[in-house]
Amino acid sequence: MEPLHPPEPEKTAFPSVGRMLNCAAREISVALDTRIAAQVNPELTGMRGMVLGYIIEATRSGGAVYQRDVETRFHIRRSSVTALLQGMEQGGFINRVSVEQDARLKSLVPTEKGRRCFADLQRSIDAFERELQANIPPGELAALQKSLEKLYANAQEIRNGTNSD
């Protein structure tokens, strides 16, 4: 796959932050997928790994995780989560277990294979984050995080039609 290239800087007073952010997010996603496939398991992607980590952490204390929890936590549409979970189940990382109170409802439970991958997965993601943030001063990272939170809130307002502009 050919690497994604950031867009050329725009010559306007308002550069396309959304487009640049989208390109960066795609590049980060591809890099994380590559890292996890090489270091942990070729059947895992970055998103599958993060979902597996979430399921393992949430179920450690005896809690139950359902598809809707994954949808909410990762801001993913139902159809996308269905496909993601089906792939994780076929890969042997999770099982869907019927709930006694409602047979239509399935809780997501990590398998032994999923649990075995978890420590390597955490190490891989932690190392990836360190490398991703390398050479960026803490103040710049803090400012970036604050700006990203504002961009996220603005996008939600636009989506919900509550933006006053």
C-alpha atoms as a PDB file:
ATOM      1  CA  MET A   1       0.000   0.000   0.000  1.00  0.00           C
ATOM      2  CA  GLU A   2       1.354   3.391  -0.961  1.00  0.00           C
ATOM      3  CA  PRO A   3       1.890   5.742   2.001  1.00  0.00           C
ATOM      4  CA  LEU A   4      -0.601   8.545   2.429  1.00  0.00           C
ATOM      5  CA  HIS A   5       0.817  12.001   1.935  1.00  0.00           C
ATOM      6  CA  PRO A   6      -0.428  15.064   3.758  1.00  0.00           C
ATOM      7  CA  PRO A   7      -2.134  17.603   1.571  1.00  0.00           C
ATOM      8  CA  GLU A   8      -0.146  20.523   0.248  1.00  0.00           C
ATOM      9  CA  PRO A   9      -0.419  23.570   2.514  1.00  0.00           C
ATOM     10  CA  GLU A  10      -3.268  25.759   1.430  1.00  0.00           C
ATOM     11  CA  LYS A  11      -2.732  29.347   0.337  1.00  0.00           C
ATOM     12  CA  THR A  12      -5.795  30.628   2.175  1.00  0.00           C
ATOM     13  CA  ALA A  13      -6.129  32.303   5.538  1.00  0.00           C
ATOM     14  CA  PHE A  14      -7.889  29.183   6.841  1.00  0.00           C
ATOM     15  CA  PRO A  15      -5.859  26.039   6.135  1.00  0.00           C
ATOM     16  CA  SER A  16      -7.789  22.796   5.896  1.00  0.00           C
ATOM     17  CA  VAL A  17      -7.248  21.482   9.412  1.00  0.00           C
ATOM     18  CA  GLY A  18      -9.851  18.769   8.876  1.00  0.00           C
ATOM     19  CA  ARG A  19      -8.108  17.416   5.795  1.00  0.00           C
ATOM     20  CA  MET A  20      -4.672  17.478   7.425  1.00  0.00           C
ATOM     21  CA  LEU A  21      -6.046  15.808  10.555  1.00  0.00           C
ATOM     22  CA  ASN A  22      -7.762  13.162   8.435  1.00  0.00           C
ATOM     23  CA  CYS A  23      -4.514  12.393   6.574  1.00  0.00           C
ATOM     24  CA  ALA A  24      -2.578  12.177   9.855  1.00  0.00           C
ATOM     25  CA  ALA A  25      -5.232   9.897  11.388  1.00  0.00           C
ATOM     26  CA  ARG A  26      -5.125   7.565   8.386  1.00  0.00           C
ATOM     27  CA  GLU A  27      -1.328   7.399   8.430  1.00  0.00           C
ATOM     28  CA  ILE A  28      -1.318   6.712  12.178  1.00  0.00           C
ATOM     29  CA  SER A  29      -3.929   3.983  11.730  1.00  0.00           C
ATOM     30  CA  VAL A  30      -1.937   2.263   8.966  1.00  0.00           C
ATOM     31  CA  ALA A  31       1.282   2.492  11.010  1.00  0.00           C
ATOM     32  CA  LEU A  32      -0.429   1.040  14.096  1.00  0.00           C
ATOM     33  CA  ASP A  33      -1.980  -1.789  12.060  1.00  0.00           C
ATOM     34  CA  THR A  34       1.448  -2.605  10.622  1.00  0.00           C
ATOM     35  CA  ARG A  35       3.099  -2.562  14.050  1.00  0.00           C
ATOM     36  CA  ILE A  36       0.492  -4.771  15.733  1.00  0.00           C
ATOM     37  CA  ALA A  37       0.417  -7.255  12.851  1.00  0.00           C
ATOM     38  CA  ALA A  38       4.217  -7.578  12.990  1.00  0.00           C
ATOM     39  CA  GLN A  39       4.714  -7.609  16.760  1.00  0.00           C
ATOM     40  CA  VAL A  40       1.570  -9.202  18.166  1.00  0.00           C
ATOM     41  CA  ASN A  41      -0.559 -11.130  15.681  1.00  0.00           C
ATOM     42  CA  PRO A  42      -1.141 -10.686  11.937  1.00  0.00           C
ATOM     43  CA  GLU A  43      -4.886 -11.203  12.496  1.00  0.00           C
ATOM     44  CA  LEU A  44      -5.080  -8.090  14.694  1.00  0.00           C
ATOM     45  CA  THR A  45      -5.337  -4.506  13.533  1.00  0.00           C
ATOM     46  CA  GLY A  46      -4.973  -1.395  15.639  1.00  0.00           C
ATOM     47  CA  MET A  47      -8.726  -1.088  16.090  1.00  0.00           C
ATOM     48  CA  ARG A  48      -9.217  -4.777  16.839  1.00  0.00           C
ATOM     49  CA  GLY A  49      -6.380  -4.538  19.345  1.00  0.00           C
ATOM     50  CA  MET A  50      -7.882  -1.510  21.077  1.00  0.00           C
ATOM     51  CA  VAL A  51     -11.301  -3.183  21.221  1.00  0.00           C
ATOM     52  CA  LEU A  52      -9.756  -6.387  22.570  1.00  0.00           C
ATOM     53  CA  GLY A  53      -7.937  -4.360  25.240  1.00  0.00           C
ATOM     54  CA  TYR A  54     -11.163  -2.603  26.170  1.00  0.00           C
ATOM     55  CA  ILE A  55     -13.045  -5.911  26.466  1.00  0.00           C
ATOM     56  CA  ILE A  56     -10.314  -7.478  28.591  1.00  0.00           C
ATOM     57  CA  GLU A  57     -10.015  -4.480  30.916  1.00  0.00           C
ATOM     58  CA  ALA A  58     -13.795  -4.129  31.308  1.00  0.00           C
ATOM     59  CA  THR A  59     -14.373  -7.826  32.010  1.00  0.00           C
ATOM     60  CA  ARG A  60     -11.483  -8.221  34.481  1.00  0.00           C
ATOM     61  CA  SER A  61     -13.633  -6.970  37.314  1.00  0.00           C
ATOM     62  CA  GLY A  62     -16.562  -9.157  36.313  1.00  0.00           C
ATOM     63  CA  GLY A  63     -18.340  -6.525  34.227  1.00  0.00           C
ATOM     64  CA  ALA A  64     -20.082  -7.339  30.981  1.00  0.00           C
ATOM     65  CA  VAL A  65     -19.341  -5.704  27.630  1.00  0.00           C
ATOM     66  CA  TYR A  66     -21.865  -5.564  24.809  1.00  0.00           C
ATOM     67  CA  GLN A  67     -21.691  -4.441  21.197  1.00  0.00           C
ATOM     68  CA  ARG A  68     -23.372  -1.137  22.036  1.00  0.00           C
ATOM     69  CA  ASP A  69     -20.613  -0.453  24.595  1.00  0.00           C
ATOM     70  CA  VAL A  70     -17.988  -0.816  21.852  1.00  0.00           C
ATOM     71  CA  GLU A  71     -20.044   1.431  19.544  1.00  0.00           C
ATOM     72  CA  THR A  72     -20.206   4.129  22.224  1.00  0.00           C
ATOM     73  CA  ARG A  73     -16.629   3.845  23.466  1.00  0.00           C
ATOM     74  CA  PHE A  74     -15.025   3.992  20.018  1.00  0.00           C
ATOM     75  CA  HIS A  75     -17.638   6.129  18.198  1.00  0.00           C
ATOM     76  CA  ILE A  76     -18.210   3.491  15.540  1.00  0.00           C
ATOM     77  CA  ARG A  77     -21.418   2.725  13.659  1.00  0.00           C
ATOM     78  CA  ARG A  78     -23.286  -0.482  14.455  1.00  0.00           C
ATOM     79  CA  SER A  79     -22.571  -2.081  11.062  1.00  0.00           C
ATOM     80  CA  SER A  80     -18.844  -1.406  11.400  1.00  0.00           C
ATOM     81  CA  VAL A  81     -18.744  -2.813  14.928  1.00  0.00           C
ATOM     82  CA  THR A  82     -20.645  -5.905  13.792  1.00  0.00           C
ATOM     83  CA  ALA A  83     -18.042  -6.602  11.098  1.00  0.00           C
ATOM     84  CA  LEU A  84     -15.171  -5.857  13.496  1.00  0.00           C
ATOM     85  CA  LEU A  85     -16.519  -8.203  16.182  1.00  0.00           C
ATOM     86  CA  GLN A  86     -17.264 -10.941  13.640  1.00  0.00           C
ATOM     87  CA  GLY A  87     -13.640 -10.787  12.501  1.00  0.00           C
ATOM     88  CA  MET A  88     -12.391 -10.904  16.090  1.00  0.00           C
ATOM     89  CA  GLU A  89     -14.632 -13.874  16.814  1.00  0.00           C
ATOM     90  CA  GLN A  90     -13.552 -15.731  13.658  1.00  0.00           C
ATOM     91  CA  GLY A  91      -9.930 -15.015  14.596  1.00  0.00           C
ATOM     92  CA  GLY A  92     -10.523 -16.615  17.987  1.00  0.00           C
ATOM     93  CA  PHE A  93      -9.925 -13.471  20.085  1.00  0.00           C
ATOM     94  CA  ILE A  94     -13.429 -13.174  21.558  1.00  0.00           C
ATOM     95  CA  ASN A  95     -16.640 -15.130  22.002  1.00  0.00           C
ATOM     96  CA  ARG A  96     -20.172 -13.793  22.024  1.00  0.00           C
ATOM     97  CA  VAL A  97     -22.075 -15.349  24.908  1.00  0.00           C
ATOM     98  CA  SER A  98     -25.867 -15.250  25.285  1.00  0.00           C
ATOM     99  CA  VAL A  99     -27.126 -13.405  28.339  1.00  0.00           C
ATOM    100  CA  GLU A 100     -29.562 -15.296  30.589  1.00  0.00           C
ATOM    101  CA  GLN A 101     -32.045 -12.435  30.894  1.00  0.00           C
ATOM    102  CA  ASP A 102     -32.211 -11.801  27.134  1.00  0.00           C
ATOM    103  CA  ALA A 103     -31.078 -14.449  24.633  1.00  0.00           C
ATOM    104  CA  ARG A 104     -30.893 -11.785  21.901  1.00  0.00           C
ATOM    105  CA  LEU A 105     -28.221  -9.935  23.867  1.00  0.00           C
ATOM    106  CA  LYS A 106     -24.655 -11.250  23.629  1.00  0.00           C
ATOM    107  CA  SER A 107     -21.843 -10.283  25.959  1.00  0.00           C
ATOM    108  CA  LEU A 108     -18.326 -10.071  24.543  1.00  0.00           C
ATOM    109  CA  VAL A 109     -15.840 -12.311  26.323  1.00  0.00           C
ATOM    110  CA  PRO A 110     -12.120 -12.587  25.551  1.00  0.00           C
ATOM    111  CA  THR A 111     -10.831 -16.052  24.719  1.00  0.00           C
ATOM    112  CA  GLU A 112      -7.609 -17.538  26.023  1.00  0.00           C
ATOM    113  CA  LYS A 113      -5.962 -16.555  22.719  1.00  0.00           C
ATOM    114  CA  GLY A 114      -7.190 -12.980  23.213  1.00  0.00           C
ATOM    115  CA  ARG A 115      -5.847 -12.871  26.764  1.00  0.00           C
ATOM    116  CA  ARG A 116      -2.475 -14.258  25.655  1.00  0.00           C
ATOM    117  CA  CYS A 117      -2.131 -11.459  23.076  1.00  0.00           C
ATOM    118  CA  PHE A 118      -3.064  -8.749  25.562  1.00  0.00           C
ATOM    119  CA  ALA A 119       0.340  -8.179  27.242  1.00  0.00           C
ATOM    120  CA  ASP A 120       2.144  -8.036  23.889  1.00  0.00           C
ATOM    121  CA  LEU A 121      -0.597  -5.793  22.559  1.00  0.00           C
ATOM    122  CA  GLN A 122      -0.242  -3.335  25.437  1.00  0.00           C
ATOM    123  CA  ARG A 123       3.552  -3.211  25.054  1.00  0.00           C
ATOM    124  CA  SER A 124       3.233  -2.680  21.314  1.00  0.00           C
ATOM    125  CA  ILE A 125       0.687   0.131  21.626  1.00  0.00           C
ATOM    126  CA  ASP A 126       2.647   1.820  24.441  1.00  0.00           C
ATOM    127  CA  ALA A 127       5.861   1.737  22.375  1.00  0.00           C
ATOM    128  CA  PHE A 128       3.956   3.021  19.338  1.00  0.00           C
ATOM    129  CA  GLU A 129       2.617   5.971  21.351  1.00  0.00           C
ATOM    130  CA  ARG A 130       6.095   6.808  22.670  1.00  0.00           C
ATOM    131  CA  GLU A 131       7.511   6.762  19.141  1.00  0.00           C
ATOM    132  CA  LEU A 132       4.589   8.739  17.763  1.00  0.00           C
ATOM    133  CA  GLN A 133       5.083  11.471  20.362  1.00  0.00           C
ATOM    134  CA  ALA A 134       8.898  11.497  20.125  1.00  0.00           C
ATOM    135  CA  ASN A 135      10.546  14.887  19.612  1.00  0.00           C
ATOM    136  CA  ILE A 136       7.368  16.788  20.481  1.00  0.00           C
ATOM    137  CA  PRO A 137       7.792  18.893  23.611  1.00  0.00           C
ATOM    138  CA  PRO A 138       5.244  18.234  26.401  1.00  0.00           C
ATOM    139  CA  GLY A 139       3.810  21.739  26.057  1.00  0.00           C
ATOM    140  CA  GLU A 140       3.118  21.214  22.368  1.00  0.00           C
ATOM    141  CA  LEU A 141       1.490  17.847  23.085  1.00  0.00           C
ATOM    142  CA  ALA A 142      -0.721  19.442  25.740  1.00  0.00           C
ATOM    143  CA  ALA A 143      -1.720  22.230  23.340  1.00  0.00           C
ATOM    144  CA  LEU A 144      -2.418  19.683  20.607  1.00  0.00           C
ATOM    145  CA  GLN A 145      -4.614  17.630  22.909  1.00  0.00           C
ATOM    146  CA  LYS A 146      -6.561  20.722  23.958  1.00  0.00           C
ATOM    147  CA  SER A 147      -7.007  21.775  20.324  1.00  0.00           C
ATOM    148  CA  LEU A 148      -8.111  18.272  19.300  1.00  0.00           C
ATOM    149  CA  GLU A 149     -10.700  18.258  22.091  1.00  0.00           C
ATOM    150  CA  LYS A 150     -12.058  21.566  20.785  1.00  0.00           C
ATOM    151  CA  LEU A 151     -12.098  20.320  17.186  1.00  0.00           C
ATOM    152  CA  TYR A 152     -13.930  17.200  18.341  1.00  0.00           C
ATOM    153  CA  ALA A 153     -16.521  19.269  20.230  1.00  0.00           C
ATOM    154  CA  ASN A 154     -16.981  21.572  17.225  1.00  0.00           C
ATOM    155  CA  ALA A 155     -17.487  18.571  14.918  1.00  0.00           C
ATOM    156  CA  GLN A 156     -20.111  17.158  17.299  1.00  0.00           C
ATOM    157  CA  GLU A 157     -21.937  20.484  17.325  1.00  0.00           C
ATOM    158  CA  ILE A 158     -21.878  20.625  13.530  1.00  0.00           C
ATOM    159  CA  ARG A 159     -23.153  17.043  13.280  1.00  0.00           C
ATOM    160  CA  ASN A 160     -25.931  17.730  15.769  1.00  0.00           C
ATOM    161  CA  GLY A 161     -26.877  21.027  14.126  1.00  0.00           C
ATOM    162  CA  THR A 162     -26.149  23.013  17.284  1.00  0.00           C
ATOM    163  CA  ASN A 163     -23.264  25.054  15.877  1.00  0.00           C
ATOM    164  CA  SER A 164     -24.227  28.711  15.773  1.00  0.00           C
ATOM    165  CA  ASP A 165     -22.229  29.507  12.612  1.00  0.00           C
END
